[in-house]
Amino acid sequence: MNQVHGENIYEAAARHGIDPAKIIDFSASINPLGLSPRAKKKLGKEGLAAVLHYPDSQCRELRRALAEYHSIPAETILPGSGSIEFIYSLPRLLEFKKVLLVTPAFSEYENALETQSPDCRIDFFETREEDGFELSVGGLLLALTQGYDALYLCNPNNPTGILTEKKDLLRLLAQAEREKTWSILDEAFIDFVPGETLLREAAPSSRLILLRSLSHFFAMPGLRAGYMVSSAEVIRKFQEKKEPWGLNSLAQIVASDEKPGVSFTVKPP
């Protein structure tokens, strides 16, 4: 499978002979209020100077800012070029051979598994429309006993928007750890329900990897900023194996000082 999520507004503009700036893109779930005034100010004030130097390969300032925002240790955070960087590097670095994928799902999970681990077997655990796309936690707990290297789950789900409650995720995490299965939990849209995140559980867990994105809620998909949260040991191993300068200087500057571009106050979990 080689599907691409969302529309390419530049291709659409070229095809129809119009200005890309005049296209309203409903194919991507981006905060309609746009980039925050703080972020715009940062880009104008510091952006030009920043591009004259290589970016900080350790993303020190961004890790510090994220650690402060979430009240978690900085050593459990690894920034990258959007969560997509980790979606594609995880199968390769962890060498998955058998994966359980909860569907419907973000198409890039399957794309990444097929391209980065061509010999990986992908089994699908379906949620059904007639059940309101609710996850059968009992069924998934049973399925995890079948010897998987990794479980892929997005919460809230993309594309259905269905939320699996934290208490149920903790049951799944406990089962996955007993089975020595990695839990790859994509929290790209968890900012809308921050109390349901598993950020606090990532550091002490031996098998949980959280994927977070700044594209949607913070309206900065073009800057490609995201991060992975896991135990300090897992983060250290990934840091050693990942390519240098994965996150450009502009993205680091804006993300380090970004605030949600919304009219209400968002409290960290």
Protein backbone atom coordinates (compact mmCIF):
# COMPACT_ATOMS: atom_id res chain seq x y z
CA MET A 1 0.00 0.00 0.00
CA ASN A 2 1.30 3.49 -0.80
CA GLN A 3 -1.37 5.93 0.27
CA VAL A 4 -0.63 9.52 1.17
CA HIS A 5 -2.76 11.16 3.84
CA GLY A 6 -4.26 14.56 3.17
CA GLU A 7 -4.17 16.58 -0.04
CA ASN A 8 -1.11 18.19 -1.59
CA ILE A 9 -2.26 21.79 -2.02
CA TYR A 10 0.71 22.60 -4.27
CA GLU A 11 -0.15 19.78 -6.66
CA ALA A 12 -3.81 20.82 -6.60
CA ALA A 13 -2.85 24.44 -7.29
CA ALA A 14 -0.69 23.44 -10.24
CA ARG A 15 -3.40 21.15 -11.59
CA HIS A 16 -6.07 23.87 -11.49
CA GLY A 17 -3.84 26.87 -12.19
CA ILE A 18 -4.58 28.76 -8.97
CA ASP A 19 -2.58 30.31 -6.12
CA PRO A 20 -1.93 27.76 -3.28
CA ALA A 21 -2.63 30.55 -0.77
CA LYS A 22 -6.23 30.72 -2.00
CA ILE A 23 -6.92 27.05 -1.25
CA ILE A 24 -8.81 26.19 1.94
CA ASP A 25 -7.55 22.75 2.90
CA PHE A 26 -10.16 20.59 4.65
CA SER A 27 -8.12 17.40 4.19
CA ALA A 28 -5.81 18.07 7.15
CA SER A 29 -6.90 18.40 10.79
CA ILE A 30 -5.17 21.68 11.66
CA ASN A 31 -6.26 24.20 14.30
CA PRO A 32 -8.26 26.78 12.27
CA LEU A 33 -7.02 29.60 14.53
CA GLY A 34 -3.57 29.12 13.07
CA LEU A 35 -0.10 29.76 14.40
CA SER A 36 -0.02 31.71 17.64
CA PRO A 37 1.13 35.38 17.73
CA ARG A 38 4.09 34.31 19.90
CA ALA A 39 5.23 31.86 17.23
CA LYS A 40 4.90 34.43 14.46
CA LYS A 41 6.96 36.90 16.48
CA LYS A 42 9.64 34.30 17.10
CA LEU A 43 9.89 33.48 13.40
CA GLY A 44 10.33 37.11 12.46
CA LYS A 45 12.72 38.07 15.24
CA GLU A 46 15.05 35.08 15.45
CA GLY A 47 14.35 33.02 12.35
CA LEU A 48 16.80 34.64 9.96
CA ALA A 49 19.71 34.46 12.39
CA ALA A 50 18.95 30.84 13.20
CA VAL A 51 19.28 29.56 9.63
CA LEU A 52 22.92 30.72 9.52
CA HIS A 53 23.89 27.87 11.89
CA TYR A 54 23.37 24.15 12.08
CA PRO A 55 20.49 23.28 14.41
CA ASP A 56 21.15 21.95 17.89
CA SER A 57 21.26 18.19 17.30
CA GLN A 58 20.30 17.61 20.95
CA CYS A 59 17.32 20.02 20.78
CA ARG A 60 18.22 21.13 24.30
CA GLU A 61 15.93 24.16 24.55
CA LEU A 62 12.94 22.35 23.08
CA ARG A 63 13.41 19.36 25.37
CA ARG A 64 13.62 21.71 28.34
CA ALA A 65 10.45 23.53 27.26
CA LEU A 66 8.53 20.29 26.70
CA ALA A 67 9.72 18.86 30.01
CA GLU A 68 8.52 22.00 31.81
CA TYR A 69 5.19 22.06 29.96
CA HIS A 70 4.40 18.42 30.68
CA SER A 71 6.21 18.17 34.05
CA ILE A 72 8.18 15.14 32.93
CA PRO A 73 11.97 14.52 32.81
CA ALA A 74 13.75 15.99 29.78
CA GLU A 75 15.66 12.75 29.29
CA THR A 76 12.38 10.97 28.46
CA ILE A 77 11.74 13.27 25.45
CA LEU A 78 13.21 13.02 21.96
CA PRO A 79 12.17 15.74 19.46
CA GLY A 80 12.08 14.98 15.76
CA SER A 81 10.82 16.10 12.39
CA GLY A 82 7.18 15.54 13.24
CA SER A 83 5.92 12.30 14.73
CA ILE A 84 6.22 10.90 11.20
CA GLU A 85 9.99 10.63 11.68
CA PHE A 86 9.43 8.13 14.47
CA ILE A 87 6.60 6.31 12.70
CA TYR A 88 9.10 5.47 9.95
CA SER A 89 12.17 4.86 12.13
CA LEU A 90 10.54 2.63 14.76
CA PRO A 91 10.03 -0.44 12.52
CA ARG A 92 13.60 -0.19 11.25
CA LEU A 93 15.34 0.40 14.56
CA LEU A 94 13.30 -2.08 16.59
CA GLU A 95 13.22 -4.65 13.75
CA PHE A 96 9.57 -5.62 14.05
CA LYS A 97 8.62 -9.01 12.63
CA LYS A 98 4.98 -9.28 13.73
CA VAL A 99 2.76 -6.30 14.52
CA LEU A 100 -0.86 -5.84 15.63
CA LEU A 101 -2.46 -2.69 14.19
CA VAL A 102 -5.79 -1.33 15.46
CA THR A 103 -7.89 -0.13 12.54
CA PRO A 104 -9.22 2.13 11.07
CA ALA A 105 -5.81 3.75 11.39
CA PHE A 106 -3.55 6.51 10.13
CA SER A 107 -2.31 5.17 6.76
CA GLU A 108 1.33 6.00 7.48
CA TYR A 109 1.63 3.21 10.10
CA GLU A 110 1.11 0.55 7.46
CA ASN A 111 3.16 2.43 4.87
CA ALA A 112 6.09 2.66 7.30
CA LEU A 113 5.91 -0.98 8.33
CA GLU A 114 5.79 -2.15 4.72
CA THR A 115 8.70 0.02 3.57
CA GLN A 116 10.95 -0.08 6.63
CA SER A 117 10.32 -3.73 7.64
CA PRO A 118 9.30 -5.49 4.42
CA ASP A 119 9.33 -8.92 6.12
CA CYS A 120 7.09 -7.76 8.96
CA ARG A 121 3.72 -9.47 9.26
CA ILE A 122 0.87 -7.03 9.97
CA ASP A 123 -2.29 -8.30 11.65
CA PHE A 124 -5.30 -5.98 11.88
CA PHE A 125 -7.54 -5.63 14.93
CA GLU A 126 -10.68 -4.01 13.55
CA THR A 127 -13.07 -1.66 15.26
CA ARG A 128 -16.41 -1.68 13.48
CA GLU A 129 -18.87 1.01 12.46
CA GLU A 130 -21.82 -0.96 13.87
CA ASP A 131 -20.12 -0.81 17.29
CA GLY A 132 -19.50 2.93 17.00
CA PHE A 133 -15.82 2.15 16.36
CA GLU A 134 -15.42 1.50 20.10
CA LEU A 135 -12.34 -0.58 20.91
CA SER A 136 -13.02 -4.07 22.33
CA VAL A 137 -10.49 -3.97 25.13
CA GLY A 138 -11.18 -7.57 26.14
CA GLY A 139 -10.69 -8.77 22.59
CA LEU A 140 -7.45 -6.81 22.22
CA LEU A 141 -6.12 -8.17 25.53
CA LEU A 142 -6.69 -11.67 24.20
CA ALA A 143 -5.12 -10.88 20.83
CA LEU A 144 -1.95 -9.64 22.55
CA THR A 145 -1.26 -13.15 23.81
CA GLN A 146 -0.52 -14.25 20.22
CA GLY A 147 3.12 -13.12 20.33
CA TYR A 148 3.46 -9.68 18.75
CA ASP A 149 6.53 -7.46 18.66
CA ALA A 150 4.42 -4.30 18.75
CA LEU A 151 0.90 -2.96 19.14
CA TYR A 152 -0.01 0.19 17.19
CA LEU A 153 -2.82 2.30 18.63
CA CYS A 154 -3.85 5.93 18.16
CA ASN A 155 -5.75 7.70 20.96
CA PRO A 156 -8.00 9.52 20.19
CA ASN A 157 -8.21 7.41 17.08
CA ASN A 158 -7.39 8.85 13.70
CA PRO A 159 -9.66 8.89 11.68
CA THR A 160 -12.67 7.97 13.86
CA GLY A 161 -11.98 10.37 16.76
CA ILE A 162 -13.01 7.70 19.28
CA LEU A 163 -11.25 7.93 22.65
CA THR A 164 -10.17 4.85 24.59
CA GLU A 165 -10.26 5.63 28.31
CA LYS A 166 -6.99 5.80 30.20
CA LYS A 167 -7.94 2.97 32.55
CA ASP A 168 -8.38 0.66 29.56
CA LEU A 169 -5.10 1.76 28.01
CA LEU A 170 -3.34 0.92 31.28
CA ARG A 171 -4.77 -2.60 31.13
CA LEU A 172 -3.50 -2.96 27.58
CA LEU A 173 -0.09 -1.57 28.53
CA ALA A 174 0.23 -4.01 31.43
CA GLN A 175 -0.66 -6.94 29.14
CA ALA A 176 1.77 -5.77 26.47
CA GLU A 177 4.59 -5.57 28.99
CA ARG A 178 3.84 -9.08 30.24
CA GLU A 179 4.01 -10.29 26.64
CA LYS A 180 7.19 -8.27 25.96
CA THR A 181 5.31 -6.33 23.27
CA TRP A 182 6.07 -2.72 22.42
CA SER A 183 3.10 -0.35 22.79
CA ILE A 184 3.30 2.35 20.12
CA LEU A 185 0.70 4.89 21.22
CA ASP A 186 0.12 7.85 18.90
CA GLU A 187 -1.24 10.82 20.88
CA ALA A 188 -1.31 13.31 17.99
CA PHE A 189 -4.76 14.58 19.05
CA ILE A 190 -4.59 14.06 22.82
CA ASP A 191 -4.26 17.83 23.44
CA PHE A 192 -8.05 18.05 23.23
CA VAL A 193 -8.38 15.60 26.17
CA PRO A 194 -5.07 16.05 28.04
CA GLY A 195 -6.21 14.17 31.13
CA GLU A 196 -6.24 10.92 29.12
CA THR A 197 -2.56 10.97 28.16
CA LEU A 198 -0.10 8.28 29.28
CA LEU A 199 2.81 10.72 29.56
CA ARG A 200 3.31 9.93 33.24
CA GLU A 201 3.44 6.20 32.50
CA ALA A 202 6.10 6.45 29.77
CA ALA A 203 9.20 6.95 31.93
CA PRO A 204 8.76 3.90 34.23
CA SER A 205 7.53 1.63 31.43
CA SER A 206 9.90 -0.72 29.63
CA ARG A 207 7.77 -1.03 26.48
CA LEU A 208 5.71 2.15 25.99
CA ILE A 209 6.53 4.68 23.27
CA LEU A 210 4.32 7.76 22.91
CA LEU A 211 4.26 9.77 19.72
CA ARG A 212 3.28 13.44 19.93
CA SER A 213 2.79 16.04 17.20
CA LEU A 214 2.81 19.84 17.10
CA SER A 215 1.18 19.90 13.65
CA HIS A 216 -2.50 19.83 14.55
CA PHE A 217 -3.31 21.54 17.83
CA PHE A 218 -0.46 24.05 17.47
CA ALA A 219 -1.07 24.61 13.74
CA MET A 220 2.51 24.23 12.53
CA PRO A 221 2.53 21.26 10.09
CA GLY A 222 4.90 23.02 7.71
CA LEU A 223 7.64 23.28 10.34
CA ARG A 224 7.56 19.50 10.96
CA ALA A 225 7.94 19.31 14.74
CA GLY A 226 7.02 16.40 16.97
CA TYR A 227 8.50 14.27 19.70
CA MET A 228 8.69 10.82 21.18
CA VAL A 229 8.28 10.11 24.89
CA SER A 230 9.55 6.91 26.48
CA SER A 231 11.88 5.68 29.21
CA ALA A 232 15.24 7.44 29.47
CA GLU A 233 16.98 4.24 28.35
CA VAL A 234 14.87 3.91 25.21
CA ILE A 235 15.33 7.60 24.39
CA ARG A 236 19.10 7.32 24.81
CA LYS A 237 19.27 4.34 22.43
CA PHE A 238 17.18 6.14 19.82
CA GLN A 239 19.29 9.28 20.17
CA GLU A 240 22.39 7.22 19.39
CA LYS A 241 20.86 5.68 16.25
CA LYS A 242 18.87 8.56 14.75
CA GLU A 243 20.19 10.84 12.04
CA PRO A 244 21.68 14.18 13.21
CA TRP A 245 19.86 17.50 12.76
CA GLY A 246 16.46 15.87 12.39
CA LEU A 247 14.67 19.02 13.55
CA ASN A 248 15.56 22.31 11.86
CA SER A 249 16.41 25.50 13.72
CA LEU A 250 13.18 27.34 12.86
CA ALA A 251 11.05 24.49 14.19
CA GLN A 252 13.10 24.34 17.39
CA ILE A 253 12.79 28.08 17.99
CA VAL A 254 9.05 28.26 17.41
CA ALA A 255 8.17 25.03 19.23
CA SER A 256 10.27 25.98 22.27
CA ASP A 257 8.18 29.09 22.88
CA GLU A 258 4.86 28.06 21.35
CA LYS A 259 1.52 28.42 23.09
CA PRO A 260 -1.73 26.98 21.78
CA GLY A 261 -3.28 29.30 19.19
CA VAL A 262 -6.64 29.23 20.95
CA SER A 263 -8.62 31.59 23.14
CA PHE A 264 -8.73 29.33 26.18
CA THR A 265 -5.98 28.24 28.52
CA VAL A 266 -4.77 24.68 27.99
CA LYS A 267 -3.41 23.17 31.19
CA PRO A 268 -0.77 20.44 30.85
CA PRO A 269 -1.76 16.99 32.13
